[in-house]
Amino acid sequence: METVGERLRWARERQLLTQEALAARAGVLDVTISRTENGHTTPTVGTLRKLADALGVDPVWLRFGEGEPWGEAAA
């Protein structure tokens, strides 16, 4: 997965969440999820943190694709 949007979609779908459900869980607008997944925008650091926390994934993995989604301990 090369983009933050691809990683976001992958993590969201693994948890069987809709864009709307993730947005509600993270406290962001659902359009933010859509635009990110479609490659139209890159979220701010604060929004990335909220999304990572809501999905339980490593924020560095979500933004840059480095490491493992659930951190090194889960690998």
Protein backbone atom coordinates (compact mmCIF):
# COMPACT_ATOMS: atom_id res chain seq x y z
CA MET A 1 0.00 0.00 0.00
CA GLU A 2 1.66 3.14 -1.21
CA THR A 3 -0.58 5.97 0.00
CA VAL A 4 -2.10 7.05 3.28
CA GLY A 5 -5.51 6.66 1.63
CA GLU A 6 -4.83 3.04 0.70
CA ARG A 7 -3.65 2.25 4.22
CA LEU A 8 -6.64 4.04 5.74
CA ARG A 9 -9.09 2.11 3.56
CA TRP A 10 -7.37 -1.20 4.31
CA ALA A 11 -7.45 -0.65 8.09
CA ARG A 12 -11.05 0.58 8.00
CA GLU A 13 -12.27 -2.35 5.92
CA ARG A 14 -10.42 -4.87 8.11
CA GLN A 15 -12.57 -3.65 10.97
CA LEU A 16 -15.72 -3.74 8.84
CA LEU A 17 -16.32 -0.02 9.36
CA THR A 18 -18.04 2.30 6.94
CA GLN A 19 -16.53 5.69 6.28
CA GLU A 20 -19.33 7.21 8.35
CA ALA A 21 -18.71 4.86 11.29
CA LEU A 22 -14.98 5.61 11.30
CA ALA A 23 -15.64 9.33 11.07
CA ALA A 24 -17.96 9.16 14.07
CA ARG A 25 -15.46 7.06 16.04
CA ALA A 26 -12.59 9.44 15.23
CA GLY A 27 -14.56 12.65 15.62
CA VAL A 28 -13.92 13.86 12.07
CA LEU A 29 -16.15 14.56 9.08
CA ASP A 30 -16.96 11.60 6.83
CA VAL A 31 -15.86 13.70 3.85
CA THR A 32 -12.37 13.71 5.40
CA ILE A 33 -12.29 9.91 5.21
CA SER A 34 -13.58 9.90 1.64
CA ARG A 35 -11.15 12.54 0.39
CA THR A 36 -8.22 10.82 2.06
CA GLU A 37 -9.07 7.37 0.73
CA ASN A 38 -9.55 8.76 -2.77
CA GLY A 39 -6.21 10.59 -2.69
CA HIS A 40 -7.67 14.09 -2.85
CA THR A 41 -6.14 15.25 0.44
CA THR A 42 -3.66 14.31 3.13
CA PRO A 43 -5.01 14.80 6.64
CA THR A 44 -3.32 17.03 9.16
CA VAL A 45 -1.15 15.49 11.87
CA GLY A 46 -3.99 15.92 14.37
CA THR A 47 -6.52 14.21 12.12
CA LEU A 48 -4.07 11.39 11.37
CA ARG A 49 -3.65 10.84 15.11
CA LYS A 50 -7.43 10.69 15.59
CA LEU A 51 -7.82 8.21 12.73
CA ALA A 52 -4.94 6.04 13.95
CA ASP A 53 -6.35 6.02 17.49
CA ALA A 54 -9.84 5.19 16.25
CA LEU A 55 -8.48 2.28 14.20
CA GLY A 56 -5.92 1.14 16.75
CA VAL A 57 -3.07 1.42 14.26
CA ASP A 58 0.37 2.96 14.47
CA PRO A 59 0.16 6.59 13.24
CA VAL A 60 3.62 6.33 11.62
CA TRP A 61 2.44 3.31 9.63
CA LEU A 62 -0.76 5.13 8.64
CA ARG A 63 1.10 8.22 7.40
CA PHE A 64 4.29 6.77 5.96
CA GLY A 65 3.74 3.02 5.64
CA GLU A 66 6.73 2.31 7.86
CA GLY A 67 6.68 -0.58 10.33
CA GLU A 68 3.64 -2.69 11.04
CA PRO A 69 0.02 -1.50 11.25
CA TRP A 70 -0.34 -2.54 14.88
CA GLY A 71 3.20 -1.70 15.92
CA GLU A 72 6.27 -3.83 16.32
CA ALA A 73 4.86 -5.79 19.28
CA ALA A 74 2.06 -7.21 17.13
CA ALA A 75 4.39 -8.36 14.36
